[in-house]
Amino acid sequence: MFQGINTSASALTSQRLRMDVVSSNMANAESTRGRLVDGEWEPYRRKMVVMEPNQTFKGHLNRAQEEQRGNGVKVSRIVEDQTPFKLFYQPTHPDADDNGFVQLPNVDPLKEMVDMMSASRSYEANITALDAHKNMLLKALEIGK
């Protein structure tokens, strides 16, 4: 009875985390000192959310025996984007190397805005699905009156 609510709730939680990660990426888009590696500062590295179906072996077994139902989604991990850092020539910058180049984060604001819009739309769609499921349950309760 509450499967639809649980599925939408898991998606809402995952999309909210995705929006938080995108916000973090945007906030650090100019951070040349993200973390210290072997005594050298490395720029902030873009992070991405990896999601997977929220199922266990029991869930797979039940689906095989009964009907096809989803169990929602969960965030399995947050990974760092391994694309190379951007190089910018600014010899007066404190983090410039011997040739005058500064490594900037591998964050593309345009890509982040697309990810934010996608996560936001998914969040809104799951709220709509949750409301529809709630309304169906309320209508079902009214039948008994």
C-alpha atoms as a PDB file:
ATOM      1  CA  MET A   1       0.000   0.000   0.000  1.00  0.00           C
ATOM      2  CA  PHE A   2       2.842   2.403   0.798  1.00  0.00           C
ATOM      3  CA  GLN A   3       5.218   1.176  -1.927  1.00  0.00           C
ATOM      4  CA  GLY A   4       4.612   4.245  -4.097  1.00  0.00           C
ATOM      5  CA  ILE A   5       5.278   6.603  -1.215  1.00  0.00           C
ATOM      6  CA  ASN A   6       8.491   4.788  -0.289  1.00  0.00           C
ATOM      7  CA  THR A   7       9.678   4.822  -3.909  1.00  0.00           C
ATOM      8  CA  SER A   8       9.035   8.560  -4.273  1.00  0.00           C
ATOM      9  CA  ALA A   9      10.622   9.274  -0.894  1.00  0.00           C
ATOM     10  CA  SER A  10      13.821   7.462  -1.855  1.00  0.00           C
ATOM     11  CA  ALA A  11      13.982   9.413  -5.113  1.00  0.00           C
ATOM     12  CA  LEU A  12      13.399  12.711  -3.283  1.00  0.00           C
ATOM     13  CA  THR A  13      16.249  11.951  -0.892  1.00  0.00           C
ATOM     14  CA  SER A  14      18.605  11.009  -3.733  1.00  0.00           C
ATOM     15  CA  GLN A  15      17.764  14.054  -5.856  1.00  0.00           C
ATOM     16  CA  ARG A  16      18.184  16.346  -2.850  1.00  0.00           C
ATOM     17  CA  LEU A  17      21.685  14.967  -2.289  1.00  0.00           C
ATOM     18  CA  ARG A  18      22.408  15.413  -5.993  1.00  0.00           C
ATOM     19  CA  MET A  19      21.378  19.082  -5.740  1.00  0.00           C
ATOM     20  CA  ASP A  20      23.616  19.505  -2.666  1.00  0.00           C
ATOM     21  CA  VAL A  21      26.608  18.057  -4.538  1.00  0.00           C
ATOM     22  CA  VAL A  22      25.989  20.339  -7.528  1.00  0.00           C
ATOM     23  CA  SER A  23      25.788  23.313  -5.148  1.00  0.00           C
ATOM     24  CA  SER A  24      29.109  22.303  -3.631  1.00  0.00           C
ATOM     25  CA  ASN A  25      30.655  22.057  -7.099  1.00  0.00           C
ATOM     26  CA  MET A  26      29.398  25.528  -8.029  1.00  0.00           C
ATOM     27  CA  ALA A  27      30.617  27.018  -4.741  1.00  0.00           C
ATOM     28  CA  ASN A  28      34.116  25.627  -5.333  1.00  0.00           C
ATOM     29  CA  ALA A  29      34.373  26.360  -9.065  1.00  0.00           C
ATOM     30  CA  GLU A  30      37.267  28.781  -8.435  1.00  0.00           C
ATOM     31  CA  SER A  31      38.959  27.016  -5.488  1.00  0.00           C
ATOM     32  CA  THR A  32      42.602  26.401  -6.314  1.00  0.00           C
ATOM     33  CA  ARG A  33      43.227  24.850  -2.905  1.00  0.00           C
ATOM     34  CA  GLY A  34      40.829  21.952  -2.591  1.00  0.00           C
ATOM     35  CA  ARG A  35      42.989  19.447  -0.741  1.00  0.00           C
ATOM     36  CA  LEU A  36      46.604  18.921   0.234  1.00  0.00           C
ATOM     37  CA  VAL A  37      48.302  16.056  -1.640  1.00  0.00           C
ATOM     38  CA  ASP A  38      51.941  15.239  -0.843  1.00  0.00           C
ATOM     39  CA  GLY A  39      52.551  18.748   0.482  1.00  0.00           C
ATOM     40  CA  GLU A  40      51.105  20.413  -2.645  1.00  0.00           C
ATOM     41  CA  TRP A  41      47.691  22.005  -2.953  1.00  0.00           C
ATOM     42  CA  GLU A  42      45.418  20.422  -5.541  1.00  0.00           C
ATOM     43  CA  PRO A  43      42.395  22.288  -6.912  1.00  0.00           C
ATOM     44  CA  TYR A  44      38.885  21.262  -5.996  1.00  0.00           C
ATOM     45  CA  ARG A  45      37.808  18.218  -7.996  1.00  0.00           C
ATOM     46  CA  ARG A  46      34.236  18.015  -9.287  1.00  0.00           C
ATOM     47  CA  LYS A  47      32.044  15.471  -7.503  1.00  0.00           C
ATOM     48  CA  MET A  48      29.244  13.389  -9.038  1.00  0.00           C
ATOM     49  CA  VAL A  49      26.461  11.325  -7.478  1.00  0.00           C
ATOM     50  CA  VAL A  50      26.078   7.684  -8.523  1.00  0.00           C
ATOM     51  CA  MET A  51      22.625   6.179  -7.983  1.00  0.00           C
ATOM     52  CA  GLU A  52      21.449   2.595  -8.204  1.00  0.00           C
ATOM     53  CA  PRO A  53      18.206   0.705  -7.633  1.00  0.00           C
ATOM     54  CA  ASN A  54      17.380   0.257  -3.974  1.00  0.00           C
ATOM     55  CA  GLN A  55      16.973  -3.501  -3.935  1.00  0.00           C
ATOM     56  CA  THR A  56      18.200  -6.455  -1.996  1.00  0.00           C
ATOM     57  CA  PHE A  57      18.353 -10.119  -2.948  1.00  0.00           C
ATOM     58  CA  LYS A  58      14.978 -10.557  -1.277  1.00  0.00           C
ATOM     59  CA  GLY A  59      13.570  -7.775  -3.452  1.00  0.00           C
ATOM     60  CA  HIS A  60      14.848  -9.449  -6.608  1.00  0.00           C
ATOM     61  CA  LEU A  61      13.427 -12.782  -5.489  1.00  0.00           C
ATOM     62  CA  ASN A  62      10.015 -11.258  -4.742  1.00  0.00           C
ATOM     63  CA  ARG A  63       9.952  -9.513  -8.105  1.00  0.00           C
ATOM     64  CA  ALA A  64      10.744 -12.754  -9.880  1.00  0.00           C
ATOM     65  CA  GLN A  65       7.949 -14.588  -8.061  1.00  0.00           C
ATOM     66  CA  GLU A  66       5.312 -11.858  -8.136  1.00  0.00           C
ATOM     67  CA  GLU A  67       4.765  -8.729 -10.127  1.00  0.00           C
ATOM     68  CA  GLN A  68       7.328  -6.243 -11.385  1.00  0.00           C
ATOM     69  CA  ARG A  69       7.675  -3.514  -8.742  1.00  0.00           C
ATOM     70  CA  GLY A  70      10.407  -1.026  -8.145  1.00  0.00           C
ATOM     71  CA  ASN A  71      11.878  -0.306  -4.736  1.00  0.00           C
ATOM     72  CA  GLY A  72      13.124   3.163  -5.457  1.00  0.00           C
ATOM     73  CA  VAL A  73      16.641   4.425  -5.794  1.00  0.00           C
ATOM     74  CA  LYS A  74      19.576   5.069  -3.492  1.00  0.00           C
ATOM     75  CA  VAL A  75      22.868   6.884  -3.724  1.00  0.00           C
ATOM     76  CA  SER A  76      25.561   4.246  -3.867  1.00  0.00           C
ATOM     77  CA  ARG A  77      28.522   6.637  -3.766  1.00  0.00           C
ATOM     78  CA  ILE A  78      29.840  10.078  -4.598  1.00  0.00           C
ATOM     79  CA  VAL A  79      32.763   9.951  -7.018  1.00  0.00           C
ATOM     80  CA  GLU A  80      35.284  12.547  -8.109  1.00  0.00           C
ATOM     81  CA  ASP A  81      35.479  13.502 -11.770  1.00  0.00           C
ATOM     82  CA  GLN A  82      38.926  12.546 -13.085  1.00  0.00           C
ATOM     83  CA  THR A  83      39.006  14.961 -16.025  1.00  0.00           C
ATOM     84  CA  PRO A  84      42.156  17.093 -16.041  1.00  0.00           C
ATOM     85  CA  PHE A  85      42.237  20.470 -14.346  1.00  0.00           C
ATOM     86  CA  LYS A  86      42.062  23.637 -16.423  1.00  0.00           C
ATOM     87  CA  LEU A  87      45.279  25.596 -16.825  1.00  0.00           C
ATOM     88  CA  PHE A  88      45.242  29.369 -16.675  1.00  0.00           C
ATOM     89  CA  TYR A  89      48.269  31.588 -17.194  1.00  0.00           C
ATOM     90  CA  GLN A  90      48.606  33.984 -14.271  1.00  0.00           C
ATOM     91  CA  PRO A  91      52.219  34.192 -13.050  1.00  0.00           C
ATOM     92  CA  THR A  92      51.343  36.495 -10.123  1.00  0.00           C
ATOM     93  CA  HIS A  93      48.909  34.035  -8.564  1.00  0.00           C
ATOM     94  CA  PRO A  94      50.207  32.459  -5.324  1.00  0.00           C
ATOM     95  CA  ASP A  95      49.392  28.954  -6.615  1.00  0.00           C
ATOM     96  CA  ALA A  96      51.114  29.389  -9.992  1.00  0.00           C
ATOM     97  CA  ASP A  97      53.717  26.800 -10.970  1.00  0.00           C
ATOM     98  CA  ASP A  98      57.229  27.612 -12.220  1.00  0.00           C
ATOM     99  CA  ASN A  99      55.874  28.373 -15.725  1.00  0.00           C
ATOM    100  CA  GLY A 100      53.196  30.753 -14.393  1.00  0.00           C
ATOM    101  CA  PHE A 101      50.220  28.426 -14.892  1.00  0.00           C
ATOM    102  CA  VAL A 102      47.536  27.982 -12.256  1.00  0.00           C
ATOM    103  CA  GLN A 103      45.492  24.785 -12.103  1.00  0.00           C
ATOM    104  CA  LEU A 104      41.785  25.543 -11.788  1.00  0.00           C
ATOM    105  CA  PRO A 105      39.054  23.070 -10.784  1.00  0.00           C
ATOM    106  CA  ASN A 106      37.525  20.826 -13.431  1.00  0.00           C
ATOM    107  CA  VAL A 107      34.079  22.301 -12.717  1.00  0.00           C
ATOM    108  CA  ASP A 108      32.105  23.516 -15.738  1.00  0.00           C
ATOM    109  CA  PRO A 109      29.367  25.903 -14.530  1.00  0.00           C
ATOM    110  CA  LEU A 110      27.225  25.185 -17.585  1.00  0.00           C
ATOM    111  CA  LYS A 111      27.327  21.434 -16.950  1.00  0.00           C
ATOM    112  CA  GLU A 112      26.539  22.032 -13.276  1.00  0.00           C
ATOM    113  CA  MET A 113      23.516  24.163 -14.132  1.00  0.00           C
ATOM    114  CA  VAL A 114      22.204  21.426 -16.446  1.00  0.00           C
ATOM    115  CA  ASP A 115      22.685  18.868 -13.658  1.00  0.00           C
ATOM    116  CA  MET A 116      20.919  21.181 -11.187  1.00  0.00           C
ATOM    117  CA  MET A 117      17.963  21.673 -13.539  1.00  0.00           C
ATOM    118  CA  SER A 118      17.733  17.922 -14.132  1.00  0.00           C
ATOM    119  CA  ALA A 119      17.800  17.148 -10.406  1.00  0.00           C
ATOM    120  CA  SER A 120      15.267  19.885  -9.709  1.00  0.00           C
ATOM    121  CA  ARG A 121      12.874  18.601 -12.367  1.00  0.00           C
ATOM    122  CA  SER A 122      13.230  15.037 -11.085  1.00  0.00           C
ATOM    123  CA  TYR A 123      12.534  16.277  -7.565  1.00  0.00           C
ATOM    124  CA  GLU A 124       9.386  18.081  -8.741  1.00  0.00           C
ATOM    125  CA  ALA A 125       8.194  15.024 -10.672  1.00  0.00           C
ATOM    126  CA  ASN A 126       8.598  12.830  -7.605  1.00  0.00           C
ATOM    127  CA  ILE A 127       6.663  15.314  -5.467  1.00  0.00           C
ATOM    128  CA  THR A 128       3.843  15.163  -8.035  1.00  0.00           C
ATOM    129  CA  ALA A 129       3.889  11.349  -7.962  1.00  0.00           C
ATOM    130  CA  LEU A 130       3.895  11.374  -4.163  1.00  0.00           C
ATOM    131  CA  ASP A 131       0.899  13.743  -4.079  1.00  0.00           C
ATOM    132  CA  ALA A 132      -0.995  11.609  -6.594  1.00  0.00           C
ATOM    133  CA  HIS A 133      -0.367   8.467  -4.540  1.00  0.00           C
ATOM    134  CA  LYS A 134      -1.437  10.239  -1.342  1.00  0.00           C
ATOM    135  CA  ASN A 135      -4.648  11.455  -3.005  1.00  0.00           C
ATOM    136  CA  MET A 136      -5.443   7.937  -4.254  1.00  0.00           C
ATOM    137  CA  LEU A 137      -5.019   6.573  -0.728  1.00  0.00           C
ATOM    138  CA  LEU A 138      -7.289   9.296   0.669  1.00  0.00           C
ATOM    139  CA  LYS A 139      -9.955   8.533  -1.945  1.00  0.00           C
ATOM    140  CA  ALA A 140      -9.716   4.847  -1.080  1.00  0.00           C
ATOM    141  CA  LEU A 141     -10.338   5.674   2.575  1.00  0.00           C
ATOM    142  CA  GLU A 142     -13.413   7.715   1.643  1.00  0.00           C
ATOM    143  CA  ILE A 143     -14.987   4.663   0.002  1.00  0.00           C
ATOM    144  CA  GLY A 144     -15.543   3.109   3.418  1.00  0.00           C
ATOM    145  CA  LYS A 145     -17.606   6.075   4.666  1.00  0.00           C
END
